[in-house]
Amino acid sequence: MFDRLQAVEDRYERLNELLSDPDIVNNPTKLREYSKEQSDIQETVQVYREYKDIKSQLQDAKAMLGEKLDADMREMVKEEVSELEDKMEELEAKLKILLIPKDPNDDKNVIMEIRGAAGGDEAALFAGDLYRMYSRFAEAQGWKVELMEATTTGVGGFKEIIFMVNGRGAYSKFKFENGAHRVQRVPETESGGRIHTSTATVACLPEAEEVEIQLHDKDIRFDTFASSGAGGQSVNTTMSAVRLTHLPTGIVVSIQDEKSQHKNRDKAMKVLRARVYDKFQREAQAEYDQVRKSAVGTGDRSERIRTYNFPQNRVTDHRIGLTIQKLDQILQGKLDEIIDALIMEDQSSRLEEASNE
């Protein structure tokens, strides 16, 4: 492990030199590439340097114990040795996690797609609850939520809603939300007070940059049509709605949220690029999973991952067996306890995989 850490520190120093090289400074592509690589390993280097400093202090403290000391001084040094050993153990555990290969998508923005599934109007209402929950969580992180497209229902929910969360690390927090979310509650329209079970599906796609996914014009069919639904005077009068079809994969994206055809096309391209990128990623992951199955992963979208039980104010994440009696707070966007537990489980699983290799 320490050979790897030393190699990372050496690479960090080399990147410092490269980022001062005029040829690199004048090359935007290389400058961005090396800056990102340095940023990705900076925390590992900082923790490793702290570890080496603590190790040096510990060696000095242990050496003092071999000298002639009075009782009080010896006790002080023993206490310092104990504290330094605890700190070293803590830093070593942190370094093991930092050496786990990082998901290259973790720092990206995320495109979220929520759809009402089983349960009709109640499922659509639940989709709206999930959208508000995620929006509040994102805002608490200081991230920006941008609505891409929404298809509403008469009762006020969403048949489908697509939105982007812009913020460094957004995908790393949201990627475990992929899957089917189940709600158990008494619908407002239910006079008998019976508990209904409904579901909504969530898909989380990392925003793909143009350099990662090249979408060629010849592979995309571009159609326009009149907007429908809420939207003011422009509805059904201008051909502002946009439909993009990626011919090689058959993926279709329709956006009509904006009154401007140009803005709708820009949004549609972002969603299309993310969906195509996600398709290729999932195909590659499926091949990998034939060899090794992650305990948490990013979730199969057909898999029921979480249940929200209103009568008991309870949320259960079925993948890690976590149950929290704080449904009211979680729906207000206080998702940290669940997300942190999922990240920790994923890290533990990958750490165990790495130690077995």
Protein backbone atom coordinates (compact mmCIF):
# COMPACT_ATOMS: atom_id res chain seq x y z
CA MET A 1 0.00 0.00 0.00
CA PHE A 2 2.77 2.43 0.91
CA ASP A 3 4.58 1.85 -2.38
CA ARG A 4 1.36 2.90 -4.13
CA LEU A 5 1.03 5.95 -1.89
CA GLN A 6 4.60 7.01 -2.61
CA ALA A 7 3.91 6.62 -6.34
CA VAL A 8 0.84 8.85 -5.98
CA GLU A 9 2.88 11.51 -4.16
CA ASP A 10 5.61 11.34 -6.83
CA ARG A 11 2.97 11.77 -9.52
CA TYR A 12 1.52 14.77 -7.64
CA GLU A 13 4.94 16.45 -7.62
CA ARG A 14 5.37 15.70 -11.32
CA LEU A 15 1.98 17.27 -12.04
CA ASN A 16 3.08 20.40 -10.18
CA GLU A 17 6.02 20.66 -12.58
CA LEU A 18 3.86 20.00 -15.64
CA LEU A 19 1.30 22.64 -14.62
CA SER A 20 4.13 25.19 -14.50
CA ASP A 21 5.38 24.26 -17.97
CA PRO A 22 4.54 27.03 -20.50
CA ASP A 23 3.74 24.43 -23.18
CA ILE A 24 1.10 22.89 -20.89
CA VAL A 25 -0.25 26.26 -19.73
CA ASN A 26 -0.86 27.18 -23.38
CA ASN A 27 -2.59 23.87 -24.12
CA PRO A 28 -6.15 24.08 -22.69
CA THR A 29 -6.83 20.35 -23.14
CA LYS A 30 -3.67 19.21 -21.35
CA LEU A 31 -4.05 21.92 -18.70
CA ARG A 32 -7.57 20.74 -17.90
CA GLU A 33 -6.52 17.07 -17.92
CA TYR A 34 -3.54 17.55 -15.58
CA SER A 35 -5.41 19.96 -13.29
CA LYS A 36 -8.20 17.42 -12.83
CA GLU A 37 -5.73 14.58 -12.20
CA GLN A 38 -3.96 16.67 -9.57
CA SER A 39 -7.24 17.63 -7.94
CA ASP A 40 -8.31 13.97 -7.83
CA ILE A 41 -5.22 12.85 -5.89
CA GLN A 42 -4.69 15.95 -3.76
CA GLU A 43 -6.54 14.64 -0.69
CA THR A 44 -4.66 11.31 -0.84
CA VAL A 45 -1.32 13.14 -0.92
CA GLN A 46 -2.30 15.45 1.95
CA VAL A 47 -3.41 12.53 4.16
CA TYR A 48 -0.28 10.51 3.25
CA ARG A 49 1.97 13.43 4.19
CA GLU A 50 0.12 13.83 7.47
CA TYR A 51 0.55 10.08 8.06
CA LYS A 52 4.33 10.32 7.48
CA ASP A 53 4.56 13.31 9.82
CA ILE A 54 2.66 11.47 12.59
CA LYS A 55 4.85 8.39 12.04
CA SER A 56 7.99 10.51 12.49
CA GLN A 57 6.58 12.06 15.67
CA LEU A 58 5.75 8.58 16.97
CA GLN A 59 9.29 7.32 16.33
CA ASP A 60 10.72 10.33 18.21
CA ALA A 61 8.33 9.80 21.12
CA LYS A 62 9.20 6.09 21.39
CA ALA A 63 12.90 6.97 21.29
CA MET A 64 12.36 9.27 24.27
CA LEU A 65 10.98 6.35 26.27
CA GLY A 66 14.42 4.74 26.00
CA GLU A 67 15.98 7.72 27.77
CA LYS A 68 16.15 8.48 31.47
CA LEU A 69 12.93 10.36 32.31
CA ASP A 70 11.22 11.24 35.55
CA ALA A 71 7.88 9.57 36.27
CA ASP A 72 5.72 12.53 35.20
CA MET A 73 7.59 13.02 31.91
CA ARG A 74 7.50 9.28 31.14
CA GLU A 75 3.74 9.26 31.69
CA MET A 76 3.30 12.27 29.38
CA VAL A 77 5.35 10.61 26.64
CA LYS A 78 3.39 7.34 27.00
CA GLU A 79 0.15 9.29 26.62
CA GLU A 80 1.53 11.01 23.52
CA VAL A 81 2.58 7.65 22.03
CA SER A 82 -0.92 6.27 22.58
CA GLU A 83 -2.54 9.31 20.92
CA LEU A 84 -0.15 9.16 17.96
CA GLU A 85 -0.76 5.43 17.47
CA ASP A 86 -4.52 6.03 17.43
CA LYS A 87 -4.07 8.84 14.92
CA MET A 88 -1.88 6.65 12.69
CA GLU A 89 -4.47 3.88 12.75
CA GLU A 90 -7.19 6.38 11.79
CA LEU A 91 -5.12 7.81 8.93
CA GLU A 92 -4.18 4.35 7.65
CA ALA A 93 -7.85 3.38 7.44
CA LYS A 94 -8.57 6.62 5.57
CA LEU A 95 -5.71 5.99 3.15
CA LYS A 96 -7.05 2.52 2.32
CA ILE A 97 -10.37 4.09 1.30
CA LEU A 98 -8.65 6.85 -0.68
CA LEU A 99 -6.72 4.24 -2.67
CA ILE A 100 -9.94 2.56 -3.84
CA PRO A 101 -10.29 3.34 -7.56
CA LYS A 102 -12.61 6.32 -7.88
CA ASP A 103 -15.72 6.29 -10.05
CA PRO A 104 -14.70 8.62 -12.91
CA ASN A 105 -18.24 10.03 -12.95
CA ASP A 106 -18.38 11.00 -9.27
CA ASP A 107 -17.53 14.69 -9.72
CA LYS A 108 -20.05 15.21 -12.52
CA ASN A 109 -23.44 16.88 -12.65
CA VAL A 110 -26.33 14.42 -12.67
CA ILE A 111 -29.48 14.16 -14.77
CA MET A 112 -32.36 12.68 -12.76
CA GLU A 113 -35.40 11.05 -14.36
CA ILE A 114 -38.38 10.20 -12.12
CA ARG A 115 -41.44 8.37 -13.44
CA GLY A 116 -44.66 7.34 -11.77
CA ALA A 117 -44.94 3.55 -12.16
CA ALA A 118 -47.49 1.23 -10.52
CA GLY A 119 -50.33 3.02 -8.78
CA GLY A 120 -51.81 5.54 -11.21
CA ASP A 121 -52.41 9.01 -9.74
CA GLU A 122 -50.89 8.03 -6.41
CA ALA A 123 -47.66 6.98 -8.15
CA ALA A 124 -47.56 10.34 -9.95
CA LEU A 125 -48.03 12.19 -6.65
CA PHE A 126 -45.21 10.14 -5.13
CA ALA A 127 -42.97 11.03 -8.10
CA GLY A 128 -43.61 14.68 -7.17
CA ASP A 129 -42.67 13.96 -3.54
CA LEU A 130 -39.38 12.42 -4.67
CA TYR A 131 -38.63 15.38 -6.93
CA ARG A 132 -39.14 17.83 -4.05
CA MET A 133 -37.07 15.64 -1.72
CA TYR A 134 -34.13 15.54 -4.13
CA SER A 135 -34.42 19.26 -4.92
CA ARG A 136 -34.27 20.20 -1.22
CA PHE A 137 -31.28 17.91 -0.66
CA ALA A 138 -29.48 19.42 -3.66
CA GLU A 139 -30.18 22.98 -2.50
CA ALA A 140 -28.83 22.13 0.97
CA GLN A 141 -25.56 21.08 -0.72
CA GLY A 142 -25.41 24.41 -2.54
CA TRP A 143 -26.17 22.80 -5.90
CA LYS A 144 -28.43 24.21 -8.62
CA VAL A 145 -31.49 22.30 -9.84
CA GLU A 146 -32.50 22.87 -13.47
CA LEU A 147 -35.84 21.53 -14.73
CA MET A 148 -35.47 19.86 -18.11
CA GLU A 149 -38.91 18.42 -18.82
CA ALA A 150 -42.07 17.55 -16.88
CA THR A 151 -45.32 15.80 -17.75
CA THR A 152 -47.88 16.61 -15.08
CA THR A 153 -51.12 14.85 -14.17
CA GLY A 154 -54.49 16.33 -13.28
CA VAL A 155 -54.01 15.61 -9.57
CA GLY A 156 -50.80 17.60 -9.33
CA GLY A 157 -48.18 14.87 -9.62
CA PHE A 158 -45.75 13.95 -12.38
CA LYS A 159 -46.09 11.18 -14.89
CA GLU A 160 -42.46 11.96 -15.71
CA ILE A 161 -40.02 14.66 -14.64
CA ILE A 162 -36.44 15.18 -15.82
CA PHE A 163 -34.09 17.63 -14.13
CA MET A 164 -30.37 18.29 -13.83
CA VAL A 165 -28.44 18.87 -10.60
CA ASN A 166 -25.42 21.07 -11.25
CA GLY A 167 -22.67 20.80 -8.66
CA ARG A 168 -19.30 19.14 -8.11
CA GLY A 169 -19.87 15.65 -6.75
CA ALA A 170 -23.61 15.59 -7.46
CA TYR A 171 -23.45 12.19 -9.18
CA SER A 172 -21.46 10.67 -6.30
CA LYS A 173 -24.34 11.44 -3.92
CA PHE A 174 -27.28 10.61 -6.18
CA LYS A 175 -26.03 7.53 -8.05
CA PHE A 176 -27.36 5.09 -5.43
CA GLU A 177 -30.91 6.38 -6.00
CA ASN A 178 -31.25 4.33 -9.19
CA GLY A 179 -34.14 1.90 -8.88
CA ALA A 180 -37.77 1.48 -7.88
CA HIS A 181 -39.00 3.43 -4.85
CA ARG A 182 -42.13 2.13 -3.10
CA VAL A 183 -44.57 4.19 -1.03
CA GLN A 184 -47.16 2.87 1.42
CA ARG A 185 -49.82 5.37 2.53
CA VAL A 186 -53.51 6.22 2.56
CA PRO A 187 -54.29 8.31 -0.55
CA GLU A 188 -56.17 11.58 0.02
CA THR A 189 -58.85 10.31 -2.34
CA GLU A 190 -59.34 7.04 -0.40
CA SER A 191 -62.46 7.37 1.76
CA GLY A 192 -62.07 3.96 3.39
CA GLY A 193 -58.65 4.76 4.81
CA ARG A 194 -56.97 1.75 3.18
CA ILE A 195 -53.21 1.81 2.75
CA HIS A 196 -52.16 1.74 -0.90
CA THR A 197 -48.79 0.68 -2.28
CA SER A 198 -47.42 2.59 -5.29
CA THR A 199 -44.05 2.88 -6.96
CA ALA A 200 -41.96 5.40 -8.86
CA THR A 201 -38.72 4.71 -10.70
CA VAL A 202 -35.62 6.87 -10.50
CA ALA A 203 -32.78 6.96 -13.02
CA CYS A 204 -29.59 8.91 -12.31
CA LEU A 205 -27.36 9.64 -15.30
CA PRO A 206 -23.96 11.35 -15.10
CA GLU A 207 -23.84 14.33 -17.45
CA ALA A 208 -21.65 13.32 -20.38
CA GLU A 209 -19.28 15.85 -21.87
CA GLU A 210 -18.99 16.20 -25.62
CA VAL A 211 -15.45 14.82 -25.54
CA GLU A 212 -16.76 11.59 -23.94
CA ILE A 213 -19.70 10.96 -26.26
CA GLN A 214 -19.47 12.12 -29.86
CA LEU A 215 -23.00 12.42 -31.23
CA HIS A 216 -22.81 12.93 -34.99
CA ASP A 217 -25.52 14.92 -36.77
CA LYS A 218 -26.00 12.12 -39.31
CA ASP A 219 -26.97 9.78 -36.44
CA ILE A 220 -29.65 12.10 -35.01
CA ARG A 221 -33.12 12.71 -36.42
CA PHE A 222 -34.38 16.15 -35.42
CA ASP A 223 -38.17 16.77 -35.33
CA THR A 224 -40.19 19.72 -34.09
CA PHE A 225 -43.79 19.79 -32.95
CA ALA A 226 -46.22 22.11 -31.20
CA SER A 227 -46.04 22.27 -27.40
CA SER A 228 -48.90 20.88 -25.34
CA GLY A 229 -50.00 21.40 -21.77
CA ALA A 230 -49.14 24.37 -19.56
CA GLY A 231 -47.05 27.05 -21.19
CA GLY A 232 -49.09 30.15 -21.91
CA GLN A 233 -49.98 31.69 -25.26
CA SER A 234 -47.20 29.91 -27.17
CA VAL A 235 -48.77 26.50 -26.57
CA ASN A 236 -49.93 24.86 -29.81
CA THR A 237 -49.03 27.99 -31.78
CA THR A 238 -45.27 27.58 -32.29
CA MET A 239 -43.23 24.53 -33.25
CA SER A 240 -40.94 24.98 -30.25
CA ALA A 241 -41.04 21.42 -28.91
CA VAL A 242 -38.12 19.23 -29.96
CA ARG A 243 -37.74 15.49 -30.44
CA LEU A 244 -34.29 13.94 -30.98
CA THR A 245 -33.87 10.32 -32.05
CA HIS A 246 -30.45 8.70 -31.84
CA LEU A 247 -30.66 6.27 -34.76
CA PRO A 248 -27.89 3.81 -33.74
CA THR A 249 -29.44 3.14 -30.31
CA GLY A 250 -33.08 4.11 -30.88
CA ILE A 251 -33.01 6.45 -27.86
CA VAL A 252 -35.63 9.21 -28.13
CA VAL A 253 -35.71 12.48 -26.16
CA SER A 254 -38.58 14.99 -26.30
CA ILE A 255 -38.32 18.41 -24.62
CA GLN A 256 -40.94 21.16 -24.66
CA ASP A 257 -40.26 22.93 -21.36
CA GLU A 258 -38.98 26.17 -22.95
CA LYS A 259 -40.77 28.47 -25.39
CA SER A 260 -37.58 28.67 -27.42
CA GLN A 261 -36.86 25.83 -29.85
CA HIS A 262 -33.12 26.53 -29.49
CA LYS A 263 -33.24 26.15 -25.68
CA ASN A 264 -35.31 22.98 -25.96
CA ARG A 265 -32.78 21.54 -28.42
CA ASP A 266 -29.88 22.33 -26.05
CA LYS A 267 -31.66 20.60 -23.17
CA ALA A 268 -32.58 17.64 -25.35
CA MET A 269 -28.96 17.22 -26.44
CA LYS A 270 -27.81 17.14 -22.80
CA VAL A 271 -30.35 14.44 -21.95
CA LEU A 272 -29.62 12.46 -25.13
CA ARG A 273 -25.87 12.57 -24.54
CA ALA A 274 -26.36 11.39 -20.94
CA ARG A 275 -28.70 8.55 -21.97
CA VAL A 276 -26.39 7.28 -24.72
CA TYR A 277 -23.40 7.48 -22.34
CA ASP A 278 -25.41 5.64 -19.67
CA LYS A 279 -26.41 2.92 -22.13
CA PHE A 280 -22.80 2.24 -23.09
CA GLN A 281 -21.77 2.31 -19.43
CA ARG A 282 -24.47 -0.14 -18.36
CA GLU A 283 -23.54 -2.53 -21.16
CA ALA A 284 -19.91 -2.43 -20.03
CA GLN A 285 -20.97 -2.85 -16.38
CA ALA A 286 -23.12 -5.86 -17.27
CA GLU A 287 -20.06 -7.58 -18.72
CA TYR A 288 -18.05 -6.72 -15.59
CA ASP A 289 -20.82 -7.94 -13.27
CA GLN A 290 -20.72 -11.37 -14.85
CA VAL A 291 -17.35 -11.72 -13.19
CA ARG A 292 -17.94 -9.75 -9.99
CA LYS A 293 -21.16 -8.43 -8.44
CA SER A 294 -20.98 -5.33 -6.24
CA ALA A 295 -22.97 -5.41 -3.01
CA VAL A 296 -24.51 -1.97 -3.55
CA GLY A 297 -23.42 -0.84 -7.01
CA THR A 298 -25.61 1.83 -8.51
CA GLY A 299 -28.74 -0.30 -8.48
CA ASP A 300 -30.74 -2.01 -11.17
CA ARG A 301 -33.62 0.27 -12.08
CA SER A 302 -36.13 -2.56 -11.91
CA GLU A 303 -34.99 -3.43 -8.39
CA ARG A 304 -37.05 -2.19 -5.43
CA ILE A 305 -34.45 -0.34 -3.42
CA ARG A 306 -36.43 1.60 -0.81
CA THR A 307 -39.83 1.72 0.90
CA TYR A 308 -41.42 4.88 2.34
CA ASN A 309 -44.05 3.88 4.93
CA PHE A 310 -46.19 6.88 5.94
CA PRO A 311 -48.30 5.32 8.74
CA GLN A 312 -45.14 4.37 10.65
CA ASN A 313 -43.05 7.39 9.55
CA ARG A 314 -40.48 4.85 8.37
CA VAL A 315 -38.00 4.58 5.50
CA THR A 316 -36.24 1.28 4.74
CA ASP A 317 -33.38 0.86 2.27
CA HIS A 318 -33.57 -2.81 1.34
CA ARG A 319 -30.04 -3.07 -0.10
CA ILE A 320 -28.29 -2.47 3.22
CA GLY A 321 -31.12 -3.26 5.65
CA LEU A 322 -31.24 0.30 6.97
CA THR A 323 -34.48 1.45 8.64
CA ILE A 324 -34.99 5.03 9.85
CA GLN A 325 -38.05 6.37 11.66
CA LYS A 326 -37.69 9.85 10.11
CA LEU A 327 -39.79 9.77 6.95
CA ASP A 328 -41.07 13.32 7.53
CA GLN A 329 -37.51 14.68 7.75
CA ILE A 330 -36.23 12.63 4.81
CA LEU A 331 -38.97 13.97 2.53
CA GLN A 332 -37.74 17.46 3.50
CA GLY A 333 -34.44 16.57 1.84
CA LYS A 334 -32.50 15.34 4.87
CA LEU A 335 -31.03 12.36 3.03
CA ASP A 336 -27.51 12.49 4.46
CA GLU A 337 -27.96 9.57 6.87
CA ILE A 338 -29.13 7.24 4.08
CA ILE A 339 -26.66 8.42 1.44
CA ASP A 340 -23.69 8.30 3.83
CA ALA A 341 -24.62 4.74 4.85
CA LEU A 342 -24.81 3.66 1.19
CA ILE A 343 -21.45 5.25 0.40
CA MET A 344 -19.87 3.57 3.43
CA GLU A 345 -21.29 0.18 2.44
CA ASP A 346 -20.02 0.62 -1.12
CA GLN A 347 -16.55 1.60 0.11
CA SER A 348 -16.41 -1.38 2.50
CA SER A 349 -17.45 -3.74 -0.28
CA ARG A 350 -14.86 -2.42 -2.71
CA LEU A 351 -12.19 -2.40 0.00
CA GLU A 352 -12.90 -6.06 0.67
CA GLU A 353 -12.74 -6.83 -3.06
CA ALA A 354 -9.41 -5.04 -3.34
CA SER A 355 -7.94 -6.96 -0.37
CA ASN A 356 -9.03 -10.28 -1.91
CA GLU A 357 -7.37 -9.61 -5.26
